C-alpha atoms as a PDB file:
ATOM      1  CA  MET A   1     126.502  75.772  81.355  1.00  0.00           C
ATOM      2  CA  ALA A   2     128.641  78.851  80.761  1.00  0.00           C
ATOM      3  CA  LYS A   3     126.579  79.735  77.687  1.00  0.00           C
ATOM      4  CA  LYS A   4     123.370  79.765  79.716  1.00  0.00           C
ATOM      5  CA  ALA A   5     124.941  82.042  82.317  1.00  0.00           C
ATOM      6  CA  LYS A   6     126.168  84.445  79.623  1.00  0.00           C
ATOM      7  CA  LYS A   7     122.742  84.446  77.974  1.00  0.00           C
ATOM      8  CA  LYS A   8     121.059  85.190  81.279  1.00  0.00           C
ATOM      9  CA  GLU A   9     123.573  87.944  82.071  1.00  0.00           C
ATOM     10  CA  LYS A  10     123.024  89.504  78.645  1.00  0.00           C
ATOM     11  CA  LYS A  11     119.255  89.399  79.100  1.00  0.00           C
ATOM     12  CA  VAL A  12     119.445  91.026  82.548  1.00  0.00           C
ATOM     13  CA  SER A  13     121.803  93.661  81.172  1.00  0.00           C
ATOM     14  CA  GLY A  14     119.314  94.413  78.381  1.00  0.00           C
ATOM     15  CA  ILE A  15     116.478  94.749  80.850  1.00  0.00           C
ATOM     16  CA  ARG A  16     118.501  97.155  82.994  1.00  0.00           C
ATOM     17  CA  SER A  17     119.378  99.322  79.987  1.00  0.00           C
ATOM     18  CA  GLU A  18     115.705  99.454  78.937  1.00  0.00           C
ATOM     19  CA  PHE A  19     114.643 100.490  82.448  1.00  0.00           C
ATOM     20  CA  LYS A  20     117.092 103.389  82.266  1.00  0.00           C
ATOM     21  CA  LYS A  21     115.342 104.612  79.094  1.00  0.00           C
ATOM     22  CA  VAL A  22     111.912 104.676  80.741  1.00  0.00           C
ATOM     23  CA  ARG A  23     110.574 108.111  81.623  1.00  0.00           C
ATOM     24  CA  TRP A  24     108.755 107.629  84.899  1.00  0.00           C
ATOM     25  CA  PRO A  25     105.939 110.093  85.684  1.00  0.00           C
ATOM     26  CA  LYS A  26     106.506 112.781  88.276  1.00  0.00           C
ATOM     27  CA  LYS A  27     104.377 112.950  91.425  1.00  0.00           C
ATOM     28  CA  LYS A  28     102.258 115.798  90.019  1.00  0.00           C
ATOM     29  CA  GLU A  29     101.619 113.926  86.757  1.00  0.00           C
ATOM     30  CA  MET A  30     100.751 110.756  88.635  1.00  0.00           C
ATOM     31  CA  PHE A  31      98.217 112.669  90.720  1.00  0.00           C
ATOM     32  CA  LYS A  32      96.593 114.095  87.555  1.00  0.00           C
ATOM     33  CA  TYR A  33      96.403 110.640  85.962  1.00  0.00           C
ATOM     34  CA  SER A  34      94.927 109.138  89.126  1.00  0.00           C
ATOM     35  CA  VAL A  35      92.256 111.841  89.331  1.00  0.00           C
ATOM     36  CA  ALA A  36      91.389 111.332  85.662  1.00  0.00           C
ATOM     37  CA  VAL A  37      90.997 107.584  86.199  1.00  0.00           C
ATOM     38  CA  LEU A  38      88.799 108.079  89.266  1.00  0.00           C
ATOM     39  CA  VAL A  39      86.602 110.582  87.421  1.00  0.00           C
ATOM     40  CA  CYS A  40      86.174 108.139  84.527  1.00  0.00           C
ATOM     41  CA  ILE A  41      85.290 105.327  86.932  1.00  0.00           C
ATOM     42  CA  ILE A  42      82.672 107.495  88.649  1.00  0.00           C
ATOM     43  CA  VAL A  43      81.175 108.664  85.327  1.00  0.00           C
ATOM     44  CA  PHE A  44      80.910 105.115  83.995  1.00  0.00           C
ATOM     45  CA  ALA A  45      79.482 103.843  87.297  1.00  0.00           C
ATOM     46  CA  LEU A  46      76.804 106.551  87.240  1.00  0.00           C
ATOM     47  CA  PHE A  47      76.028 105.827  83.591  1.00  0.00           C
ATOM     48  CA  PHE A  48      75.553 102.106  84.183  1.00  0.00           C
ATOM     49  CA  MET A  49      73.593 102.693  87.389  1.00  0.00           C
ATOM     50  CA  LEU A  50      71.251 105.102  85.598  1.00  0.00           C
ATOM     51  CA  SER A  51      70.908 102.694  82.673  1.00  0.00           C
ATOM     52  CA  ASP A  52      70.009  99.898  85.078  1.00  0.00           C
ATOM     53  CA  VAL A  53      67.380 102.037  86.801  1.00  0.00           C
ATOM     54  CA  ILE A  54      65.831 103.046  83.476  1.00  0.00           C
ATOM     55  CA  ILE A  55      65.770  99.478  82.164  1.00  0.00           C
ATOM     56  CA  ALA A  56      64.219  98.242  85.423  1.00  0.00           C
ATOM     57  CA  ALA A  57      61.546 100.957  85.256  1.00  0.00           C
ATOM     58  CA  VAL A  58      60.720 100.119  81.638  1.00  0.00           C
ATOM     59  CA  ARG A  59      60.485  96.404  82.474  1.00  0.00           C
ATOM     60  CA  THR A  60      58.189  97.177  85.388  1.00  0.00           C
ATOM     61  CA  LEU A  61      55.916  99.277  83.151  1.00  0.00           C
ATOM     62  CA  LEU A  62      55.830  96.621  80.430  1.00  0.00           C
ATOM     63  CA  GLU A  63      55.122  93.785  82.853  1.00  0.00           C
ATOM     64  CA  GLY A  64      52.206  95.727  84.302  1.00  0.00           C
END
């Protein structure tokens, strides 16, 4: 049982040390990243919406 506890303690200690090495983004950086993601989502949504409209129009013309 003691070995399991030591293993678990060592694992938790390793996780803590890795979290200390992480460079978390600042508020300003996080805002920039969020805006970039939203812009990409909007661009892709518009692209797929436009593609859908074009495909529907072509189908309507072909079906007569």
